Amino acid sequence: MRPSPATGTECWHPVCGSGGLLVESHRYVRERVELNPTMSLHGKEQHAHTSQVARMNFAVRGITAHVFPPGDSLAEPEREPHDIILANLPFNQRDWAPEDKMEQGARRSGPPLPADPRWPEEPPSRGSANSAWIQHIAHALAPAGRAVFLMADSVANSRQPVPRRLRERLLRDDLVECVIALPPRVFGHTKASACLWVLNRDKSARHGWGALDRRRQVLFVNARRAFEPVPESRARRLGDKNTALILTTLAAWRGLSEDGAAVAPYHDAAGWSRSCSTEEIADREYSLMPTSYAVEPPSPERDTRNRVEQLKLELADQFEQMRDLELRLLDVLEEI
């Protein structure tokens, strides 16, 4: 997949840290277009010292990027839409500012605060910022904008009302393009298994995206076992081969040609990928867990893995319920 170096493409990271993900995106595009990318890079980080490290990271590499003053991205909606959003999000973040501000606003006298456009139907859960981050990103997308971010497995398959209704809204708005189940232990900062989500405001056939109309459809990729060991370490990584396989699968599904070559037809592959309609997903309680759709052929080993996977999801669901109950109890105690 050869990206277009079109002038005006804007890439934003709401929790950019030291800027590593934006630096890698710049390198990736530069190597493929063989030109210095004309896309503009923007990032925001909550901590002042980390923001300064990000600025230095861009400067030493000669990359033009704008790092906003330190601040919490969730504190307010984005004022401008973004073409591309990349994010390595914090999982299950509990003490996030917007909810605290909403609570303070509800208790003070005077006229009510205006409704937040990011969550017009209901506020996100106080127990976790996962749904808040997803809605924050979705609200910031331009008319043809795309977003890619990491998210804990529980959000894709939780039976709790808040994440389930969030998935329902995302599918109703036809924002979900692809969900990829990644191997466990490929992230140094967490042992939790996670999925890579791809959101897209326009999945119709168009130049630069693909020749196939994929509206009301979602691609699921089960890359749980697509990893290689890191030498002299217990860590894992996707590796170039598995990364290329994921990109090739997504390109075929979109009908995206490589350098003018004929488009490879997409076919579902048992245990690897499956294209589903939003109607089928709705019938499955709006689950967005790739392992529920791209199922491996029957075998005793697969049955054992699936059972372990299901037990892990159920346990994560129970932990989420415990967090919600804890916060409700604290609210009751504050009223006494």
C-alpha atoms as a PDB file:
ATOM      1  CA  MET A   1       0.000   0.000   0.000  1.00  0.00           C
ATOM      2  CA  ARG A   2       1.672   3.179  -1.139  1.00  0.00           C
ATOM      3  CA  PRO A   3       0.350   6.230   0.733  1.00  0.00           C
ATOM      4  CA  SER A   4      -0.316   9.461  -1.093  1.00  0.00           C
ATOM      5  CA  PRO A   5       1.919  12.391  -0.114  1.00  0.00           C
ATOM      6  CA  ALA A   6      -0.956  14.800  -0.748  1.00  0.00           C
ATOM      7  CA  THR A   7      -0.492  18.301   0.533  1.00  0.00           C
ATOM      8  CA  GLY A   8      -2.683  19.178   3.480  1.00  0.00           C
ATOM      9  CA  THR A   9      -2.983  15.705   5.070  1.00  0.00           C
ATOM     10  CA  GLU A  10      -2.897  16.213   8.812  1.00  0.00           C
ATOM     11  CA  CYS A  11      -1.923  13.542  11.361  1.00  0.00           C
ATOM     12  CA  TRP A  12      -2.776  13.978  15.050  1.00  0.00           C
ATOM     13  CA  HIS A  13      -1.896  12.041  18.197  1.00  0.00           C
ATOM     14  CA  PRO A  14      -3.936  13.022  21.297  1.00  0.00           C
ATOM     15  CA  VAL A  15      -1.542  11.349  23.766  1.00  0.00           C
ATOM     16  CA  CYS A  16       1.735  11.629  21.880  1.00  0.00           C
ATOM     17  CA  GLY A  17       4.136  11.006  24.771  1.00  0.00           C
ATOM     18  CA  SER A  18       7.688  11.513  23.499  1.00  0.00           C
ATOM     19  CA  GLY A  19       6.475  11.555  19.883  1.00  0.00           C
ATOM     20  CA  GLY A  20       7.686   8.090  18.873  1.00  0.00           C
ATOM     21  CA  LEU A  21       4.530   7.043  17.011  1.00  0.00           C
ATOM     22  CA  LEU A  22       4.435  10.259  14.966  1.00  0.00           C
ATOM     23  CA  VAL A  23       8.151   9.907  14.154  1.00  0.00           C
ATOM     24  CA  GLU A  24       7.534   6.344  12.918  1.00  0.00           C
ATOM     25  CA  SER A  25       4.549   7.418  10.814  1.00  0.00           C
ATOM     26  CA  HIS A  26       6.746  10.095   9.174  1.00  0.00           C
ATOM     27  CA  ARG A  27       9.476   7.513   8.479  1.00  0.00           C
ATOM     28  CA  TYR A  28       6.959   4.966   7.105  1.00  0.00           C
ATOM     29  CA  VAL A  29       5.479   7.403   4.589  1.00  0.00           C
ATOM     30  CA  ARG A  30       8.890   8.812   3.597  1.00  0.00           C
ATOM     31  CA  GLU A  31      10.259   5.344   2.786  1.00  0.00           C
ATOM     32  CA  ARG A  32       7.276   4.500   0.582  1.00  0.00           C
ATOM     33  CA  VAL A  33       6.812   7.715  -1.355  1.00  0.00           C
ATOM     34  CA  GLU A  34      10.591   8.312  -1.517  1.00  0.00           C
ATOM     35  CA  LEU A  35       9.939  11.960  -0.763  1.00  0.00           C
ATOM     36  CA  ASN A  36       9.821  14.060   2.362  1.00  0.00           C
ATOM     37  CA  PRO A  37       6.159  13.751   3.476  1.00  0.00           C
ATOM     38  CA  THR A  38       4.053  16.883   3.102  1.00  0.00           C
ATOM     39  CA  MET A  39       1.643  15.799   5.841  1.00  0.00           C
ATOM     40  CA  SER A  40       1.586  17.949   8.969  1.00  0.00           C
ATOM     41  CA  LEU A  41       2.105  16.303  12.357  1.00  0.00           C
ATOM     42  CA  HIS A  42       0.354  17.441  15.549  1.00  0.00           C
ATOM     43  CA  GLY A  43       0.573  15.989  19.031  1.00  0.00           C
ATOM     44  CA  LYS A  44      -0.548  16.734  22.562  1.00  0.00           C
ATOM     45  CA  GLU A  45       0.802  15.411  25.839  1.00  0.00           C
ATOM     46  CA  GLN A  46      -0.421  16.002  29.372  1.00  0.00           C
ATOM     47  CA  HIS A  47       2.982  16.192  31.073  1.00  0.00           C
ATOM     48  CA  ALA A  48       5.217  19.202  30.423  1.00  0.00           C
ATOM     49  CA  HIS A  49       8.559  17.379  30.564  1.00  0.00           C
ATOM     50  CA  THR A  50       7.345  14.683  28.142  1.00  0.00           C
ATOM     51  CA  SER A  51       6.082  17.365  25.756  1.00  0.00           C
ATOM     52  CA  GLN A  52       9.538  18.892  25.760  1.00  0.00           C
ATOM     53  CA  VAL A  53      11.095  15.496  24.978  1.00  0.00           C
ATOM     54  CA  ALA A  54       8.688  15.167  22.022  1.00  0.00           C
ATOM     55  CA  ARG A  55       9.770  18.557  20.655  1.00  0.00           C
ATOM     56  CA  MET A  56      13.419  17.525  20.933  1.00  0.00           C
ATOM     57  CA  ASN A  57      12.629  14.176  19.284  1.00  0.00           C
ATOM     58  CA  PHE A  58      11.210  15.938  16.225  1.00  0.00           C
ATOM     59  CA  ALA A  59      13.941  18.586  16.145  1.00  0.00           C
ATOM     60  CA  VAL A  60      16.909  16.176  16.144  1.00  0.00           C
ATOM     61  CA  ARG A  61      15.347  14.310  13.193  1.00  0.00           C
ATOM     62  CA  GLY A  62      14.563  17.464  11.234  1.00  0.00           C
ATOM     63  CA  ILE A  63      10.823  16.731  11.314  1.00  0.00           C
ATOM     64  CA  THR A  64       8.424  19.657  11.304  1.00  0.00           C
ATOM     65  CA  ALA A  65       5.706  18.990  13.863  1.00  0.00           C
ATOM     66  CA  HIS A  66       3.561  20.997  16.235  1.00  0.00           C
ATOM     67  CA  VAL A  67       3.342  19.877  19.852  1.00  0.00           C
ATOM     68  CA  PHE A  68       0.522  21.677  21.641  1.00  0.00           C
ATOM     69  CA  PRO A  69       1.040  23.130  25.121  1.00  0.00           C
ATOM     70  CA  PRO A  70       0.776  20.427  27.819  1.00  0.00           C
ATOM     71  CA  GLY A  71      -2.789  19.519  28.674  1.00  0.00           C
ATOM     72  CA  ASP A  72      -5.383  16.777  28.929  1.00  0.00           C
ATOM     73  CA  SER A  73      -6.817  15.964  25.490  1.00  0.00           C
ATOM     74  CA  LEU A  74     -10.033  14.648  27.059  1.00  0.00           C
ATOM     75  CA  ALA A  75     -10.701  17.937  28.852  1.00  0.00           C
ATOM     76  CA  GLU A  76     -12.608  19.351  25.881  1.00  0.00           C
ATOM     77  CA  PRO A  77     -13.595  18.428  22.299  1.00  0.00           C
ATOM     78  CA  GLU A  78     -11.163  19.063  19.464  1.00  0.00           C
ATOM     79  CA  ARG A  79     -11.895  22.361  17.727  1.00  0.00           C
ATOM     80  CA  GLU A  80     -10.644  21.269  14.300  1.00  0.00           C
ATOM     81  CA  PRO A  81     -11.276  17.975  12.442  1.00  0.00           C
ATOM     82  CA  HIS A  82      -8.330  15.711  11.653  1.00  0.00           C
ATOM     83  CA  ASP A  83      -7.553  13.627   8.542  1.00  0.00           C
ATOM     84  CA  ILE A  84      -5.568  10.913  10.336  1.00  0.00           C
ATOM     85  CA  ILE A  85      -5.550  10.091  14.050  1.00  0.00           C
ATOM     86  CA  LEU A  86      -2.995   7.703  15.564  1.00  0.00           C
ATOM     87  CA  ALA A  87      -3.071   6.805  19.245  1.00  0.00           C
ATOM     88  CA  ASN A  88      -1.492   4.389  21.696  1.00  0.00           C
ATOM     89  CA  LEU A  89      -4.145   4.967  24.342  1.00  0.00           C
ATOM     90  CA  PRO A  90      -3.925   4.362  28.098  1.00  0.00           C
ATOM     91  CA  PHE A  91      -6.114   1.379  29.020  1.00  0.00           C
ATOM     92  CA  ASN A  92      -8.792   1.561  31.750  1.00  0.00           C
ATOM     93  CA  GLN A  93      -7.807   5.072  32.859  1.00  0.00           C
ATOM     94  CA  ARG A  94      -9.910   5.918  35.927  1.00  0.00           C
ATOM     95  CA  ASP A  95      -9.074   9.477  36.990  1.00  0.00           C
ATOM     96  CA  TRP A  96      -9.893  11.338  33.799  1.00  0.00           C
ATOM     97  CA  ALA A  97     -10.669  15.061  34.026  1.00  0.00           C
ATOM     98  CA  PRO A  98     -13.869  15.556  31.990  1.00  0.00           C
ATOM     99  CA  GLU A  99     -15.941  13.308  34.268  1.00  0.00           C
ATOM    100  CA  ASP A 100     -14.734  15.185  37.340  1.00  0.00           C
ATOM    101  CA  LYS A 101     -15.682  18.482  35.714  1.00  0.00           C
ATOM    102  CA  MET A 102     -19.121  17.147  34.830  1.00  0.00           C
ATOM    103  CA  GLU A 103     -19.648  16.068  38.425  1.00  0.00           C
ATOM    104  CA  GLN A 104     -18.633  19.495  39.714  1.00  0.00           C
ATOM    105  CA  GLY A 105     -20.889  21.194  37.212  1.00  0.00           C
ATOM    106  CA  ALA A 106     -23.842  19.052  38.248  1.00  0.00           C
ATOM    107  CA  ARG A 107     -23.444  19.998  41.914  1.00  0.00           C
ATOM    108  CA  ARG A 108     -22.955  23.728  41.541  1.00  0.00           C
ATOM    109  CA  SER A 109     -25.821  26.189  41.358  1.00  0.00           C
ATOM    110  CA  GLY A 110     -26.643  28.191  38.237  1.00  0.00           C
ATOM    111  CA  PRO A 111     -27.471  27.233  34.652  1.00  0.00           C
ATOM    112  CA  PRO A 112     -26.387  23.739  33.491  1.00  0.00           C
ATOM    113  CA  LEU A 113     -23.246  23.363  31.433  1.00  0.00           C
ATOM    114  CA  PRO A 114     -23.767  22.860  27.679  1.00  0.00           C
ATOM    115  CA  ALA A 115     -23.905  19.245  26.547  1.00  0.00           C
ATOM    116  CA  ASP A 116     -20.620  17.786  25.330  1.00  0.00           C
ATOM    117  CA  PRO A 117     -20.927  17.007  21.593  1.00  0.00           C
ATOM    118  CA  ARG A 118     -18.652  13.991  21.954  1.00  0.00           C
ATOM    119  CA  TRP A 119     -21.243  12.024  23.921  1.00  0.00           C
ATOM    120  CA  PRO A 120     -24.688  13.407  23.052  1.00  0.00           C
ATOM    121  CA  GLU A 121     -26.607  10.312  24.188  1.00  0.00           C
ATOM    122  CA  GLU A 122     -24.949   9.440  27.510  1.00  0.00           C
ATOM    123  CA  PRO A 123     -21.715  10.325  29.353  1.00  0.00           C
ATOM    124  CA  PRO A 124     -18.881   7.778  29.381  1.00  0.00           C
ATOM    125  CA  SER A 125     -18.384   5.440  32.307  1.00  0.00           C
ATOM    126  CA  ARG A 126     -16.658   6.906  35.348  1.00  0.00           C
ATOM    127  CA  GLY A 127     -14.926   3.577  35.924  1.00  0.00           C
ATOM    128  CA  SER A 128     -12.826   3.723  32.749  1.00  0.00           C
ATOM    129  CA  ALA A 129     -11.919   6.307  30.103  1.00  0.00           C
ATOM    130  CA  ASN A 130     -11.843   3.702  27.305  1.00  0.00           C
ATOM    131  CA  SER A 131     -15.213   4.688  25.831  1.00  0.00           C
ATOM    132  CA  ALA A 132     -14.431   8.386  26.342  1.00  0.00           C
ATOM    133  CA  TRP A 133     -11.242   8.092  24.282  1.00  0.00           C
ATOM    134  CA  ILE A 134     -13.023   6.301  21.446  1.00  0.00           C
ATOM    135  CA  GLN A 135     -15.807   8.903  21.292  1.00  0.00           C
ATOM    136  CA  HIS A 136     -13.274  11.732  21.583  1.00  0.00           C
ATOM    137  CA  ILE A 137     -11.399  10.353  18.557  1.00  0.00           C
ATOM    138  CA  ALA A 138     -14.551   9.650  16.530  1.00  0.00           C
ATOM    139  CA  HIS A 139     -15.803  13.206  17.106  1.00  0.00           C
ATOM    140  CA  ALA A 140     -12.464  14.641  15.887  1.00  0.00           C
ATOM    141  CA  LEU A 141     -12.494  12.861  12.510  1.00  0.00           C
ATOM    142  CA  ALA A 142     -12.755  14.886   9.308  1.00  0.00           C
ATOM    143  CA  PRO A 143     -15.472  13.907   6.756  1.00  0.00           C
ATOM    144  CA  ALA A 144     -13.091  11.384   5.141  1.00  0.00           C
ATOM    145  CA  GLY A 145     -10.902  10.968   8.227  1.00  0.00           C
ATOM    146  CA  ARG A 146      -9.444   7.717   9.514  1.00  0.00           C
ATOM    147  CA  ALA A 147      -8.217   6.712  12.968  1.00  0.00           C
ATOM    148  CA  VAL A 148      -6.077   3.833  14.221  1.00  0.00           C
ATOM    149  CA  PHE A 149      -5.664   3.145  17.927  1.00  0.00           C
ATOM    150  CA  LEU A 150      -4.982   0.387  20.436  1.00  0.00           C
ATOM    151  CA  MET A 151      -7.752  -0.615  22.819  1.00  0.00           C
ATOM    152  CA  ALA A 152      -8.155  -3.282  25.510  1.00  0.00           C
ATOM    153  CA  ASP A 153     -10.030  -6.422  24.464  1.00  0.00           C
ATOM    154  CA  SER A 154     -12.812  -5.824  26.987  1.00  0.00           C
ATOM    155  CA  VAL A 155     -14.173  -2.859  25.008  1.00  0.00           C
ATOM    156  CA  ALA A 156     -14.664  -5.011  21.905  1.00  0.00           C
ATOM    157  CA  ASN A 157     -16.695  -7.687  23.652  1.00  0.00           C
ATOM    158  CA  SER A 158     -17.877  -6.425  27.052  1.00  0.00           C
ATOM    159  CA  ARG A 159     -21.520  -7.138  27.863  1.00  0.00           C
ATOM    160  CA  GLN A 160     -21.725  -4.096  30.120  1.00  0.00           C
ATOM    161  CA  PRO A 161     -24.346  -1.554  28.962  1.00  0.00           C
ATOM    162  CA  VAL A 162     -22.001   1.407  28.345  1.00  0.00           C
ATOM    163  CA  PRO A 163     -19.428  -0.293  26.033  1.00  0.00           C
ATOM    164  CA  ARG A 164     -22.191  -2.275  24.313  1.00  0.00           C
ATOM    165  CA  ARG A 165     -24.142   0.892  23.508  1.00  0.00           C
ATOM    166  CA  LEU A 166     -20.912   2.540  22.358  1.00  0.00           C
ATOM    167  CA  ARG A 167     -20.295  -0.266  19.849  1.00  0.00           C
ATOM    168  CA  GLU A 168     -23.917   0.010  18.719  1.00  0.00           C
ATOM    169  CA  ARG A 169     -23.506   3.739  18.039  1.00  0.00           C
ATOM    170  CA  LEU A 170     -20.227   3.231  16.167  1.00  0.00           C
ATOM    171  CA  LEU A 171     -21.843   0.632  13.915  1.00  0.00           C
ATOM    172  CA  ARG A 172     -24.995   2.699  13.476  1.00  0.00           C
ATOM    173  CA  ASP A 173     -22.794   5.564  12.262  1.00  0.00           C
ATOM    174  CA  ASP A 174     -20.792   3.077  10.128  1.00  0.00           C
ATOM    175  CA  LEU A 175     -17.486   4.240  11.585  1.00  0.00           C
ATOM    176  CA  VAL A 176     -15.759   0.875  12.126  1.00  0.00           C
ATOM    177  CA  GLU A 177     -13.577  -0.268   9.224  1.00  0.00           C
ATOM    178  CA  CYS A 178     -11.426  -2.993  10.754  1.00  0.00           C
ATOM    179  CA  VAL A 179     -10.605  -4.584  14.122  1.00  0.00           C
ATOM    180  CA  ILE A 180      -7.416  -6.620  14.505  1.00  0.00           C
ATOM    181  CA  ALA A 181      -6.832  -8.938  17.473  1.00  0.00           C
ATOM    182  CA  LEU A 182      -3.125  -8.629  18.268  1.00  0.00           C
ATOM    183  CA  PRO A 183      -0.936 -11.233  20.009  1.00  0.00           C
ATOM    184  CA  PRO A 184      -0.542 -10.989  23.776  1.00  0.00           C
ATOM    185  CA  ARG A 185       2.722  -9.662  25.232  1.00  0.00           C
ATOM    186  CA  VAL A 186       3.679  -7.560  22.218  1.00  0.00           C
ATOM    187  CA  PHE A 187       3.504  -4.308  24.229  1.00  0.00           C
ATOM    188  CA  GLY A 188       6.179  -3.620  26.797  1.00  0.00           C
ATOM    189  CA  HIS A 189       3.972  -1.364  28.946  1.00  0.00           C
ATOM    190  CA  THR A 190       1.136  -3.870  29.520  1.00  0.00           C
ATOM    191  CA  LYS A 191       0.469  -7.603  29.592  1.00  0.00           C
ATOM    192  CA  ALA A 192      -3.186  -7.070  28.671  1.00  0.00           C
ATOM    193  CA  SER A 193      -4.282  -8.385  25.287  1.00  0.00           C
ATOM    194  CA  ALA A 194      -5.495  -5.693  22.922  1.00  0.00           C
ATOM    195  CA  CYS A 195      -7.039  -4.997  19.549  1.00  0.00           C
ATOM    196  CA  LEU A 196      -6.087  -2.475  16.910  1.00  0.00           C
ATOM    197  CA  TRP A 197      -9.173  -0.501  15.841  1.00  0.00           C
ATOM    198  CA  VAL A 198      -9.493   1.283  12.494  1.00  0.00           C
ATOM    199  CA  LEU A 199     -12.263   3.887  12.232  1.00  0.00           C
ATOM    200  CA  ASN A 200     -13.255   5.507   8.944  1.00  0.00           C
ATOM    201  CA  ARG A 201     -15.895   8.149   8.196  1.00  0.00           C
ATOM    202  CA  ASP A 202     -16.102   7.211   4.506  1.00  0.00           C
ATOM    203  CA  LYS A 203     -15.841   3.566   3.434  1.00  0.00           C
ATOM    204  CA  SER A 204     -17.236   4.163  -0.044  1.00  0.00           C
ATOM    205  CA  ALA A 205     -15.064   3.422  -3.088  1.00  0.00           C
ATOM    206  CA  ARG A 206     -12.782   6.398  -3.663  1.00  0.00           C
ATOM    207  CA  HIS A 207      -9.331   7.324  -4.922  1.00  0.00           C
ATOM    208  CA  GLY A 208      -6.560   6.654  -2.432  1.00  0.00           C
ATOM    209  CA  TRP A 209      -8.673   4.363  -0.254  1.00  0.00           C
ATOM    210  CA  GLY A 210      -9.862   1.523  -2.482  1.00  0.00           C
ATOM    211  CA  ALA A 211     -12.052   0.441  -5.371  1.00  0.00           C
ATOM    212  CA  LEU A 212     -14.594  -1.493  -3.285  1.00  0.00           C
ATOM    213  CA  ASP A 213     -17.576   0.005  -1.481  1.00  0.00           C
ATOM    214  CA  ARG A 214     -17.346  -1.328   2.082  1.00  0.00           C
ATOM    215  CA  ARG A 215     -20.112   0.690   3.701  1.00  0.00           C
ATOM    216  CA  ARG A 216     -22.051  -1.278   6.352  1.00  0.00           C
ATOM    217  CA  GLN A 217     -19.230  -3.854   6.472  1.00  0.00           C
ATOM    218  CA  VAL A 218     -16.390  -4.521   8.931  1.00  0.00           C
ATOM    219  CA  LEU A 219     -13.212  -6.550   8.432  1.00  0.00           C
ATOM    220  CA  PHE A 220     -12.028  -8.716  11.338  1.00  0.00           C
ATOM    221  CA  VAL A 221      -8.444 -10.011  11.462  1.00  0.00           C
ATOM    222  CA  ASN A 222      -7.443 -12.605  14.047  1.00  0.00           C
ATOM    223  CA  ALA A 223      -3.697 -12.099  14.459  1.00  0.00           C
ATOM    224  CA  ARG A 224      -3.546 -13.597  17.959  1.00  0.00           C
ATOM    225  CA  ARG A 225      -0.927 -16.174  16.907  1.00  0.00           C
ATOM    226  CA  ALA A 226       0.883 -13.992  14.360  1.00  0.00           C
ATOM    227  CA  PHE A 227       4.016 -13.216  16.339  1.00  0.00           C
ATOM    228  CA  GLU A 228       7.681 -14.052  16.545  1.00  0.00           C
ATOM    229  CA  PRO A 229       9.920 -14.117  19.636  1.00  0.00           C
ATOM    230  CA  VAL A 230      12.310 -11.283  20.290  1.00  0.00           C
ATOM    231  CA  PRO A 231      15.845 -12.752  20.412  1.00  0.00           C
ATOM    232  CA  GLU A 232      17.275 -13.174  23.928  1.00  0.00           C
ATOM    233  CA  SER A 233      13.993 -12.043  25.477  1.00  0.00           C
ATOM    234  CA  ARG A 234      10.583 -13.354  26.556  1.00  0.00           C
ATOM    235  CA  ALA A 235       8.943 -10.549  24.624  1.00  0.00           C
ATOM    236  CA  ARG A 236       7.086 -10.968  21.334  1.00  0.00           C
ATOM    237  CA  ARG A 237       6.641  -8.862  18.230  1.00  0.00           C
ATOM    238  CA  LEU A 238       4.583  -8.994  15.068  1.00  0.00           C
ATOM    239  CA  GLY A 239       7.609  -8.889  12.797  1.00  0.00           C
ATOM    240  CA  ASP A 240       7.785  -7.728   9.183  1.00  0.00           C
ATOM    241  CA  LYS A 241       6.150 -10.856   7.716  1.00  0.00           C
ATOM    242  CA  ASN A 242       3.031 -10.729   9.912  1.00  0.00           C
ATOM    243  CA  THR A 243       2.726  -6.960   9.601  1.00  0.00           C
ATOM    244  CA  ALA A 244       2.843  -7.241   5.808  1.00  0.00           C
ATOM    245  CA  LEU A 245       0.191  -9.992   5.886  1.00  0.00           C
ATOM    246  CA  ILE A 246      -2.183  -7.788   7.883  1.00  0.00           C
ATOM    247  CA  LEU A 247      -1.632  -4.840   5.524  1.00  0.00           C
ATOM    248  CA  THR A 248      -2.101  -7.042   2.448  1.00  0.00           C
ATOM    249  CA  THR A 249      -5.361  -8.449   3.843  1.00  0.00           C
ATOM    250  CA  LEU A 250      -6.742  -4.978   4.531  1.00  0.00           C
ATOM    251  CA  ALA A 251      -5.622  -3.715   1.109  1.00  0.00           C
ATOM    252  CA  ALA A 252      -7.344  -6.622  -0.670  1.00  0.00           C
ATOM    253  CA  TRP A 253     -10.539  -6.037   1.324  1.00  0.00           C
ATOM    254  CA  ARG A 254     -10.512  -2.377   0.302  1.00  0.00           C
ATOM    255  CA  GLY A 255      -9.618  -3.158  -3.329  1.00  0.00           C
ATOM    256  CA  LEU A 256      -6.429  -1.109  -3.132  1.00  0.00           C
ATOM    257  CA  SER A 257      -3.895  -1.791  -5.885  1.00  0.00           C
ATOM    258  CA  GLU A 258      -0.148  -1.689  -5.397  1.00  0.00           C
ATOM    259  CA  ASP A 259       1.644   0.603  -7.886  1.00  0.00           C
ATOM    260  CA  GLY A 260      -1.049   0.118 -10.514  1.00  0.00           C
ATOM    261  CA  ALA A 261      -0.965  -3.680 -10.339  1.00  0.00           C
ATOM    262  CA  ALA A 262      -4.161  -5.728 -10.518  1.00  0.00           C
ATOM    263  CA  VAL A 263      -6.129  -5.770  -7.293  1.00  0.00           C
ATOM    264  CA  ALA A 264      -5.838  -9.094  -5.466  1.00  0.00           C
ATOM    265  CA  PRO A 265      -9.348 -10.369  -4.697  1.00  0.00           C
ATOM    266  CA  TYR A 266     -10.264 -10.626  -1.032  1.00  0.00           C
ATOM    267  CA  HIS A 267     -11.431 -13.958   0.389  1.00  0.00           C
ATOM    268  CA  ASP A 268     -12.270 -14.835   3.992  1.00  0.00           C
ATOM    269  CA  ALA A 269      -9.603 -17.090   5.507  1.00  0.00           C
ATOM    270  CA  ALA A 270     -10.568 -19.458   8.333  1.00  0.00           C
ATOM    271  CA  GLY A 271      -8.804 -18.488  11.523  1.00  0.00           C
ATOM    272  CA  TRP A 272      -7.361 -15.325   9.975  1.00  0.00           C
ATOM    273  CA  SER A 273      -9.911 -12.877   8.523  1.00  0.00           C
ATOM    274  CA  ARG A 274     -13.605 -12.429   7.868  1.00  0.00           C
ATOM    275  CA  SER A 275     -15.718  -9.639   6.397  1.00  0.00           C
ATOM    276  CA  CYS A 276     -19.051  -9.162   8.180  1.00  0.00           C
ATOM    277  CA  SER A 277     -22.090  -6.982   7.638  1.00  0.00           C
ATOM    278  CA  THR A 278     -23.161  -4.628  10.403  1.00  0.00           C
ATOM    279  CA  GLU A 279     -26.463  -6.565  10.533  1.00  0.00           C
ATOM    280  CA  GLU A 280     -24.640  -9.789  11.476  1.00  0.00           C
ATOM    281  CA  ILE A 281     -22.618  -7.937  14.104  1.00  0.00           C
ATOM    282  CA  ALA A 282     -25.830  -6.484  15.567  1.00  0.00           C
ATOM    283  CA  ASP A 283     -27.226 -10.000  15.876  1.00  0.00           C
ATOM    284  CA  ARG A 284     -24.174 -10.889  17.995  1.00  0.00           C
ATOM    285  CA  GLU A 285     -24.843  -8.155  20.561  1.00  0.00           C
ATOM    286  CA  TYR A 286     -22.559  -5.786  18.636  1.00  0.00           C
ATOM    287  CA  SER A 287     -19.429  -7.739  19.538  1.00  0.00           C
ATOM    288  CA  LEU A 288     -16.320  -6.420  17.773  1.00  0.00           C
ATOM    289  CA  MET A 289     -13.999  -9.195  18.934  1.00  0.00           C
ATOM    290  CA  PRO A 290     -12.166 -10.629  15.876  1.00  0.00           C
ATOM    291  CA  THR A 291     -11.717 -14.047  17.518  1.00  0.00           C
ATOM    292  CA  SER A 292     -15.514 -14.435  17.498  1.00  0.00           C
ATOM    293  CA  TYR A 293     -15.693 -14.076  13.703  1.00  0.00           C
ATOM    294  CA  ALA A 294     -12.381 -15.235  12.202  1.00  0.00           C
ATOM    295  CA  VAL A 295     -12.590 -18.636  13.871  1.00  0.00           C
ATOM    296  CA  GLU A 296      -9.955 -21.337  13.444  1.00  0.00           C
ATOM    297  CA  PRO A 297     -10.971 -24.768  12.057  1.00  0.00           C
ATOM    298  CA  PRO A 298     -12.200 -27.203  14.766  1.00  0.00           C
ATOM    299  CA  SER A 299      -9.530 -28.961  16.812  1.00  0.00           C
ATOM    300  CA  PRO A 300      -9.011 -29.852  20.516  1.00  0.00           C
ATOM    301  CA  GLU A 301      -6.235 -27.253  20.776  1.00  0.00           C
ATOM    302  CA  ARG A 302      -8.476 -24.531  19.285  1.00  0.00           C
ATOM    303  CA  ASP A 303     -11.342 -25.420  21.623  1.00  0.00           C
ATOM    304  CA  THR A 304      -9.046 -25.092  24.643  1.00  0.00           C
ATOM    305  CA  ARG A 305      -7.668 -21.745  23.468  1.00  0.00           C
ATOM    306  CA  ASN A 306     -11.157 -20.427  22.769  1.00  0.00           C
ATOM    307  CA  ARG A 307     -12.356 -21.447  26.217  1.00  0.00           C
ATOM    308  CA  VAL A 308      -9.377 -19.755  27.883  1.00  0.00           C
ATOM    309  CA  GLU A 309      -9.981 -16.642  25.758  1.00  0.00           C
ATOM    310  CA  GLN A 310     -13.648 -16.580  26.755  1.00  0.00           C
ATOM    311  CA  LEU A 311     -12.807 -16.979  30.453  1.00  0.00           C
ATOM    312  CA  LYS A 312     -10.337 -14.082  30.226  1.00  0.00           C
ATOM    313  CA  LEU A 313     -12.995 -11.844  28.674  1.00  0.00           C
ATOM    314  CA  GLU A 314     -15.540 -12.858  31.302  1.00  0.00           C
ATOM    315  CA  LEU A 315     -13.037 -12.106  34.073  1.00  0.00           C
ATOM    316  CA  ALA A 316     -12.280  -8.687  32.576  1.00  0.00           C
ATOM    317  CA  ASP A 317     -16.026  -8.061  32.448  1.00  0.00           C
ATOM    318  CA  GLN A 318     -16.339  -8.889  36.138  1.00  0.00           C
ATOM    319  CA  PHE A 319     -13.482  -6.511  36.999  1.00  0.00           C
ATOM    320  CA  GLU A 320     -15.254  -3.770  35.056  1.00  0.00           C
ATOM    321  CA  GLN A 321     -18.454  -4.361  37.003  1.00  0.00           C
ATOM    322  CA  MET A 322     -16.486  -4.186  40.263  1.00  0.00           C
ATOM    323  CA  ARG A 323     -15.016  -0.796  39.274  1.00  0.00           C
ATOM    324  CA  ASP A 324     -18.456   0.592  38.441  1.00  0.00           C
ATOM    325  CA  LEU A 325     -19.933  -0.680  41.712  1.00  0.00           C
ATOM    326  CA  GLU A 326     -17.042   0.813  43.669  1.00  0.00           C
ATOM    327  CA  LEU A 327     -17.626   4.253  42.141  1.00  0.00           C
ATOM    328  CA  ARG A 328     -21.373   4.044  42.776  1.00  0.00           C
ATOM    329  CA  LEU A 329     -20.709   3.152  46.408  1.00  0.00           C
ATOM    330  CA  LEU A 330     -18.371   6.124  46.783  1.00  0.00           C
ATOM    331  CA  ASP A 331     -21.050   8.422  45.339  1.00  0.00           C
ATOM    332  CA  VAL A 332     -23.579   7.118  47.855  1.00  0.00           C
ATOM    333  CA  LEU A 333     -21.155   7.600  50.738  1.00  0.00           C
ATOM    334  CA  GLU A 334     -20.485  11.195  49.694  1.00  0.00           C
ATOM    335  CA  GLU A 335     -24.204  11.939  49.955  1.00  0.00           C
ATOM    336  CA  ILE A 336     -24.400  10.696  53.549  1.00  0.00           C
END
